[in-house]
Amino acid sequence: MTEPRRFPAPWRAVELRAAFRIEDANGFAVAYTYFTEDPERRSSTGRMSKDEARRIVISIAALSELRKAVRDQD
């Protein structure tokens, strides 16, 4: 018998004021990516632009489905 998944799929991205939050199927926060549109703040804080953060979030959210597909092949 397999253990229940700790962070069940599907994962989704939720846009906040200055970040995106990745949530599992239960609404648990799995990760955050922070962004700013102010170039000076990006330079001093190391934060991404909103577009860069969005691309990262999409990739992270897709990991839950990719992991499921790989596991199903075993």
PDB file of N, CA and C in Angstrom:
ATOM      1  N   MET A   1       0.844  -1.179   0.000  1.00  0.00           N
ATOM      2  CA  MET A   1       0.000   0.000   0.000  1.00  0.00           C
ATOM      3  C   MET A   1       0.892   1.246   0.000  1.00  0.00           C
ATOM      4  N   THR A   2       0.571   2.215  -0.834  1.00  0.00           N
ATOM      5  CA  THR A   2       1.374   3.428  -0.909  1.00  0.00           C
ATOM      6  C   THR A   2       0.900   4.449   0.122  1.00  0.00           C
ATOM      7  N   GLU A   3       1.849   5.268   0.561  1.00  0.00           N
ATOM      8  CA  GLU A   3       1.534   6.342   1.498  1.00  0.00           C
ATOM      9  C   GLU A   3       0.767   7.446   0.781  1.00  0.00           C
ATOM     10  N   PRO A   4      -0.152   8.119   1.470  1.00  0.00           N
ATOM     11  CA  PRO A   4      -0.811   9.262   0.827  1.00  0.00           C
ATOM     12  C   PRO A   4       0.206  10.358   0.543  1.00  0.00           C
ATOM     13  N   ARG A   5      -0.004  11.072  -0.513  1.00  0.00           N
ATOM     14  CA  ARG A   5       0.918  12.156  -0.879  1.00  0.00           C
ATOM     15  C   ARG A   5       0.870  13.257   0.153  1.00  0.00           C
ATOM     16  N   ARG A   6       2.023  13.781   0.460  1.00  0.00           N
ATOM     17  CA  ARG A   6       2.079  14.859   1.444  1.00  0.00           C
ATOM     18  C   ARG A   6       1.536  16.162   0.876  1.00  0.00           C
ATOM     19  N   PHE A   7       1.820  16.431  -0.391  1.00  0.00           N
ATOM     20  CA  PHE A   7       1.337  17.635  -1.066  1.00  0.00           C
ATOM     21  C   PHE A   7       0.562  17.188  -2.296  1.00  0.00           C
ATOM     22  N   PRO A   8      -0.709  16.833  -2.150  1.00  0.00           N
ATOM     23  CA  PRO A   8      -1.443  16.236  -3.259  1.00  0.00           C
ATOM     24  C   PRO A   8      -1.630  17.186  -4.450  1.00  0.00           C
ATOM     25  N   ALA A   9      -1.570  16.582  -5.627  1.00  0.00           N
ATOM     26  CA  ALA A   9      -1.832  17.309  -6.875  1.00  0.00           C
ATOM     27  C   ALA A   9      -3.333  17.498  -7.012  1.00  0.00           C
ATOM     28  N   PRO A  10      -3.762  18.422  -7.799  1.00  0.00           N
ATOM     29  CA  PRO A  10      -2.966  19.364  -8.580  1.00  0.00           C
ATOM     30  C   PRO A  10      -2.535  20.549  -7.725  1.00  0.00           C
ATOM     31  N   TRP A  11      -1.408  21.135  -8.116  1.00  0.00           N
ATOM     32  CA  TRP A  11      -0.949  22.361  -7.483  1.00  0.00           C
ATOM     33  C   TRP A  11      -1.446  23.535  -8.304  1.00  0.00           C
ATOM     34  N   ARG A  12      -1.660  24.655  -7.653  1.00  0.00           N
ATOM     35  CA  ARG A  12      -2.124  25.839  -8.382  1.00  0.00           C
ATOM     36  C   ARG A  12      -1.386  27.071  -7.888  1.00  0.00           C
ATOM     37  N   ALA A  13      -1.341  28.075  -8.741  1.00  0.00           N
ATOM     38  CA  ALA A  13      -0.684  29.336  -8.416  1.00  0.00           C
ATOM     39  C   ALA A  13      -1.737  30.359  -8.025  1.00  0.00           C
ATOM     40  N   VAL A  14      -1.474  31.069  -6.948  1.00  0.00           N
ATOM     41  CA  VAL A  14      -2.349  32.131  -6.469  1.00  0.00           C
ATOM     42  C   VAL A  14      -1.539  33.418  -6.482  1.00  0.00           C
ATOM     43  N   GLU A  15      -2.058  34.434  -7.169  1.00  0.00           N
ATOM     44  CA  GLU A  15      -1.342  35.709  -7.225  1.00  0.00           C
ATOM     45  C   GLU A  15      -1.675  36.550  -6.006  1.00  0.00           C
ATOM     46  N   LEU A  16      -0.625  37.013  -5.325  1.00  0.00           N
ATOM     47  CA  LEU A  16      -0.753  37.919  -4.195  1.00  0.00           C
ATOM     48  C   LEU A  16      -0.247  39.294  -4.624  1.00  0.00           C
ATOM     49  N   ARG A  17      -0.178  40.232  -3.704  1.00  0.00           N
ATOM     50  CA  ARG A  17       0.236  41.586  -4.041  1.00  0.00           C
ATOM     51  C   ARG A  17       1.657  41.656  -4.595  1.00  0.00           C
ATOM     52  N   ALA A  18       2.591  40.956  -3.979  1.00  0.00           N
ATOM     53  CA  ALA A  18       3.990  41.014  -4.419  1.00  0.00           C
ATOM     54  C   ALA A  18       4.614  39.626  -4.530  1.00  0.00           C
ATOM     55  N   ALA A  19       3.756  38.606  -4.699  1.00  0.00           N
ATOM     56  CA  ALA A  19       4.267  37.237  -4.771  1.00  0.00           C
ATOM     57  C   ALA A  19       3.225  36.339  -5.430  1.00  0.00           C
ATOM     58  N   PHE A  20       3.686  35.172  -5.817  1.00  0.00           N
ATOM     59  CA  PHE A  20       2.799  34.086  -6.210  1.00  0.00           C
ATOM     60  C   PHE A  20       2.980  32.988  -5.177  1.00  0.00           C
ATOM     61  N   ARG A  21       1.878  32.376  -4.778  1.00  0.00           N
ATOM     62  CA  ARG A  21       1.926  31.262  -3.832  1.00  0.00           C
ATOM     63  C   ARG A  21       1.507  29.996  -4.573  1.00  0.00           C
ATOM     64  N   ILE A  22       2.268  28.923  -4.409  1.00  0.00           N
ATOM     65  CA  ILE A  22       1.896  27.623  -4.956  1.00  0.00           C
ATOM     66  C   ILE A  22       1.169  26.873  -3.852  1.00  0.00           C
ATOM     67  N   GLU A  23      -0.023  26.383  -4.155  1.00  0.00           N
ATOM     68  CA  GLU A  23      -0.810  25.623  -3.177  1.00  0.00           C
ATOM     69  C   GLU A  23      -1.055  24.218  -3.698  1.00  0.00           C
ATOM     70  N   ASP A  24      -1.081  23.244  -2.781  1.00  0.00           N
ATOM     71  CA  ASP A  24      -1.448  21.894  -3.175  1.00  0.00           C
ATOM     72  C   ASP A  24      -2.979  21.795  -3.254  1.00  0.00           C
ATOM     73  N   ALA A  25      -3.482  20.618  -3.517  1.00  0.00           N
ATOM     74  CA  ALA A  25      -4.928  20.432  -3.690  1.00  0.00           C
ATOM     75  C   ALA A  25      -5.719  20.770  -2.434  1.00  0.00           C
ATOM     76  N   ASN A  26      -5.057  20.735  -1.275  1.00  0.00           N
ATOM     77  CA  ASN A  26      -5.728  21.058  -0.009  1.00  0.00           C
ATOM     78  C   ASN A  26      -5.599  22.527   0.372  1.00  0.00           C
ATOM     79  N   GLY A  27      -4.934  23.326  -0.460  1.00  0.00           N
ATOM     80  CA  GLY A  27      -4.759  24.737  -0.165  1.00  0.00           C
ATOM     81  C   GLY A  27      -3.539  25.032   0.687  1.00  0.00           C
ATOM     82  N   PHE A  28      -2.692  24.016   0.926  1.00  0.00           N
ATOM     83  CA  PHE A  28      -1.488  24.212   1.722  1.00  0.00           C
ATOM     84  C   PHE A  28      -0.429  24.902   0.871  1.00  0.00           C
ATOM     85  N   ALA A  29       0.226  25.929   1.417  1.00  0.00           N
ATOM     86  CA  ALA A  29       1.258  26.663   0.679  1.00  0.00           C
ATOM     87  C   ALA A  29       2.511  25.803   0.561  1.00  0.00           C
ATOM     88  N   VAL A  30       2.901  25.510  -0.676  1.00  0.00           N
ATOM     89  CA  VAL A  30       4.077  24.695  -0.957  1.00  0.00           C
ATOM     90  C   VAL A  30       5.295  25.583  -1.202  1.00  0.00           C
ATOM     91  N   ALA A  31       5.093  26.720  -1.878  1.00  0.00           N
ATOM     92  CA  ALA A  31       6.210  27.610  -2.209  1.00  0.00           C
ATOM     93  C   ALA A  31       5.682  29.012  -2.492  1.00  0.00           C
ATOM     94  N   TYR A  32       6.590  29.973  -2.408  1.00  0.00           N
ATOM     95  CA  TYR A  32       6.301  31.358  -2.772  1.00  0.00           C
ATOM     96  C   TYR A  32       7.385  31.829  -3.731  1.00  0.00           C
ATOM     97  N   THR A  33       7.015  32.649  -4.700  1.00  0.00           N
ATOM     98  CA  THR A  33       7.986  33.370  -5.531  1.00  0.00           C
ATOM     99  C   THR A  33       7.617  34.836  -5.430  1.00  0.00           C
ATOM    100  N   TYR A  34       8.596  35.640  -5.037  1.00  0.00           N
ATOM    101  CA  TYR A  34       8.368  37.068  -4.823  1.00  0.00           C
ATOM    102  C   TYR A  34       8.822  37.863  -6.036  1.00  0.00           C
ATOM    103  N   PHE A  35       8.134  38.965  -6.285  1.00  0.00           N
ATOM    104  CA  PHE A  35       8.477  39.797  -7.437  1.00  0.00           C
ATOM    105  C   PHE A  35       8.275  41.262  -7.111  1.00  0.00           C
ATOM    106  N   THR A  36       8.832  42.093  -7.961  1.00  0.00           N
ATOM    107  CA  THR A  36       8.574  43.529  -7.918  1.00  0.00           C
ATOM    108  C   THR A  36       8.721  44.062  -9.332  1.00  0.00           C
ATOM    109  N   GLU A  37       7.940  45.035  -9.663  1.00  0.00           N
ATOM    110  CA  GLU A  37       8.040  45.657 -10.986  1.00  0.00           C
ATOM    111  C   GLU A  37       8.961  46.875 -10.976  1.00  0.00           C
ATOM    112  N   ASP A  38       9.429  47.273  -9.805  1.00  0.00           N
ATOM    113  CA  ASP A  38      10.327  48.410  -9.678  1.00  0.00           C
ATOM    114  C   ASP A  38      11.762  47.951  -9.951  1.00  0.00           C
ATOM    115  N   PRO A  39      12.378  48.418 -11.043  1.00  0.00           N
ATOM    116  CA  PRO A  39      13.734  47.965 -11.391  1.00  0.00           C
ATOM    117  C   PRO A  39      14.769  48.243 -10.298  1.00  0.00           C
ATOM    118  N   GLU A  40      14.648  49.355  -9.605  1.00  0.00           N
ATOM    119  CA  GLU A  40      15.594  49.665  -8.533  1.00  0.00           C
ATOM    120  C   GLU A  40      15.467  48.678  -7.377  1.00  0.00           C
ATOM    121  N   ARG A  41      14.237  48.342  -7.028  1.00  0.00           N
ATOM    122  CA  ARG A  41      14.018  47.359  -5.950  1.00  0.00           C
ATOM    123  C   ARG A  41      14.503  45.984  -6.361  1.00  0.00           C
ATOM    124  N   ARG A  42      14.281  45.622  -7.644  1.00  0.00           N
ATOM    125  CA  ARG A  42      14.772  44.326  -8.119  1.00  0.00           C
ATOM    126  C   ARG A  42      16.276  44.249  -7.954  1.00  0.00           C
ATOM    127  N   SER A  43      16.951  45.339  -8.290  1.00  0.00           N
ATOM    128  CA  SER A  43      18.408  45.379  -8.201  1.00  0.00           C
ATOM    129  C   SER A  43      18.883  45.244  -6.748  1.00  0.00           C
ATOM    130  N   SER A  44      18.222  45.929  -5.837  1.00  0.00           N
ATOM    131  CA  SER A  44      18.679  45.922  -4.440  1.00  0.00           C
ATOM    132  C   SER A  44      18.198  44.697  -3.656  1.00  0.00           C
ATOM    133  N   THR A  45      17.064  44.126  -4.030  1.00  0.00           N
ATOM    134  CA  THR A  45      16.519  42.986  -3.276  1.00  0.00           C
ATOM    135  C   THR A  45      16.763  41.650  -3.946  1.00  0.00           C
ATOM    136  N   GLY A  46      17.085  41.666  -5.240  1.00  0.00           N
ATOM    137  CA  GLY A  46      17.279  40.410  -5.964  1.00  0.00           C
ATOM    138  C   GLY A  46      15.972  39.743  -6.364  1.00  0.00           C
ATOM    139  N   ARG A  47      14.867  40.458  -6.227  1.00  0.00           N
ATOM    140  CA  ARG A  47      13.573  39.881  -6.624  1.00  0.00           C
ATOM    141  C   ARG A  47      13.437  39.856  -8.133  1.00  0.00           C
ATOM    142  N   MET A  48      12.582  38.959  -8.580  1.00  0.00           N
ATOM    143  CA  MET A  48      12.316  38.813 -10.009  1.00  0.00           C
ATOM    144  C   MET A  48      11.261  39.813 -10.458  1.00  0.00           C
ATOM    145  N   SER A  49      11.152  39.963 -11.780  1.00  0.00           N
ATOM    146  CA  SER A  49      10.024  40.711 -12.322  1.00  0.00           C
ATOM    147  C   SER A  49       8.784  39.826 -12.183  1.00  0.00           C
ATOM    148  N   LYS A  50       7.627  40.404 -12.334  1.00  0.00           N
ATOM    149  CA  LYS A  50       6.385  39.637 -12.221  1.00  0.00           C
ATOM    150  C   LYS A  50       6.331  38.549 -13.289  1.00  0.00           C
ATOM    151  N   ASP A  51       6.772  38.856 -14.503  1.00  0.00           N
ATOM    152  CA  ASP A  51       6.761  37.874 -15.582  1.00  0.00           C
ATOM    153  C   ASP A  51       7.715  36.715 -15.282  1.00  0.00           C
ATOM    154  N   GLU A  52       8.900  37.011 -14.774  1.00  0.00           N
ATOM    155  CA  GLU A  52       9.854  35.954 -14.411  1.00  0.00           C
ATOM    156  C   GLU A  52       9.273  35.064 -13.311  1.00  0.00           C
ATOM    157  N   ALA A  53       8.685  35.680 -12.300  1.00  0.00           N
ATOM    158  CA  ALA A  53       8.089  34.922 -11.197  1.00  0.00           C
ATOM    159  C   ALA A  53       6.945  34.053 -11.690  1.00  0.00           C
ATOM    160  N   ARG A  54       6.138  34.569 -12.602  1.00  0.00           N
ATOM    161  CA  ARG A  54       5.020  33.803 -13.153  1.00  0.00           C
ATOM    162  C   ARG A  54       5.526  32.553 -13.878  1.00  0.00           C
ATOM    163  N   ARG A  55       6.602  32.701 -14.658  1.00  0.00           N
ATOM    164  CA  ARG A  55       7.151  31.536 -15.378  1.00  0.00           C
ATOM    165  C   ARG A  55       7.674  30.487 -14.407  1.00  0.00           C
ATOM    166  N   ILE A  56       8.320  30.908 -13.338  1.00  0.00           N
ATOM    167  CA  ILE A  56       8.818  29.974 -12.324  1.00  0.00           C
ATOM    168  C   ILE A  56       7.655  29.248 -11.659  1.00  0.00           C
ATOM    169  N   VAL A  57       6.619  29.999 -11.309  1.00  0.00           N
ATOM    170  CA  VAL A  57       5.447  29.428 -10.642  1.00  0.00           C
ATOM    171  C   VAL A  57       4.767  28.382 -11.527  1.00  0.00           C
ATOM    172  N   ILE A  58       4.632  28.671 -12.796  1.00  0.00           N
ATOM    173  CA  ILE A  58       4.016  27.714 -13.723  1.00  0.00           C
ATOM    174  C   ILE A  58       4.836  26.432 -13.763  1.00  0.00           C
ATOM    175  N   SER A  59       6.153  26.563 -13.783  1.00  0.00           N
ATOM    176  CA  SER A  59       7.027  25.384 -13.795  1.00  0.00           C
ATOM    177  C   SER A  59       6.902  24.578 -12.508  1.00  0.00           C
ATOM    178  N   ILE A  60       6.857  25.264 -11.376  1.00  0.00           N
ATOM    179  CA  ILE A  60       6.718  24.565 -10.098  1.00  0.00           C
ATOM    180  C   ILE A  60       5.374  23.842 -10.030  1.00  0.00           C
ATOM    181  N   ALA A  61       4.314  24.514 -10.419  1.00  0.00           N
ATOM    182  CA  ALA A  61       2.980  23.905 -10.368  1.00  0.00           C
ATOM    183  C   ALA A  61       2.907  22.668 -11.263  1.00  0.00           C
ATOM    184  N   ALA A  62       3.616  22.684 -12.381  1.00  0.00           N
ATOM    185  CA  ALA A  62       3.601  21.541 -13.307  1.00  0.00           C
ATOM    186  C   ALA A  62       4.335  20.336 -12.725  1.00  0.00           C
ATOM    187  N   LEU A  63       5.212  20.545 -11.749  1.00  0.00           N
ATOM    188  CA  LEU A  63       5.971  19.437 -11.171  1.00  0.00           C
ATOM    189  C   LEU A  63       5.076  18.374 -10.549  1.00  0.00           C
ATOM    190  N   SER A  64       3.974  18.777  -9.938  1.00  0.00           N
ATOM    191  CA  SER A  64       3.094  17.789  -9.303  1.00  0.00           C
ATOM    192  C   SER A  64       2.525  16.830 -10.335  1.00  0.00           C
ATOM    193  N   GLU A  65       2.164  17.320 -11.504  1.00  0.00           N
ATOM    194  CA  GLU A  65       1.623  16.462 -12.562  1.00  0.00           C
ATOM    195  C   GLU A  65       2.730  15.625 -13.211  1.00  0.00           C
ATOM    196  N   LEU A  66       3.909  16.213 -13.381  1.00  0.00           N
ATOM    197  CA  LEU A  66       5.036  15.480 -13.948  1.00  0.00           C
ATOM    198  C   LEU A  66       5.426  14.327 -13.035  1.00  0.00           C
ATOM    199  N   ARG A  67       5.479  14.598 -11.758  1.00  0.00           N
ATOM    200  CA  ARG A  67       5.822  13.553 -10.786  1.00  0.00           C
ATOM    201  C   ARG A  67       4.810  12.416 -10.831  1.00  0.00           C
ATOM    202  N   LYS A  68       3.546  12.758 -10.950  1.00  0.00           N
ATOM    203  CA  LYS A  68       2.489  11.738 -11.024  1.00  0.00           C
ATOM    204  C   LYS A  68       2.654  10.904 -12.290  1.00  0.00           C
ATOM    205  N   ALA A  69       2.956  11.549 -13.415  1.00  0.00           N
ATOM    206  CA  ALA A  69       3.116  10.834 -14.681  1.00  0.00           C
ATOM    207  C   ALA A  69       4.304   9.870 -14.608  1.00  0.00           C
ATOM    208  N   VAL A  70       5.401  10.295 -14.011  1.00  0.00           N
ATOM    209  CA  VAL A  70       6.579   9.435 -13.892  1.00  0.00           C
ATOM    210  C   VAL A  70       6.265   8.259 -12.976  1.00  0.00           C
ATOM    211  N   ARG A  71       5.597   8.523 -11.890  1.00  0.00           N
ATOM    212  CA  ARG A  71       5.246   7.446 -10.948  1.00  0.00           C
ATOM    213  C   ARG A  71       4.307   6.440 -11.596  1.00  0.00           C
ATOM    214  N   ASP A  72       3.393   6.907 -12.425  1.00  0.00           N
ATOM    215  CA  ASP A  72       2.443   6.011 -13.089  1.00  0.00           C
ATOM    216  C   ASP A  72       3.129   5.082 -14.095  1.00  0.00           C
ATOM    217  N   GLN A  73       4.291   5.489 -14.608  1.00  0.00           N
ATOM    218  CA  GLN A  73       5.028   4.663 -15.566  1.00  0.00           C
ATOM    219  C   GLN A  73       5.761   3.517 -14.883  1.00  0.00           C
ATOM    220  N   ASP A  74       6.038   3.662 -13.583  1.00  0.00           N
ATOM    221  CA  ASP A  74       6.785   2.610 -12.845  1.00  0.00           C
ATOM    222  C   ASP A  74       5.986   1.364 -12.652  1.00  0.00           C
TER     223      ASP A  74
END
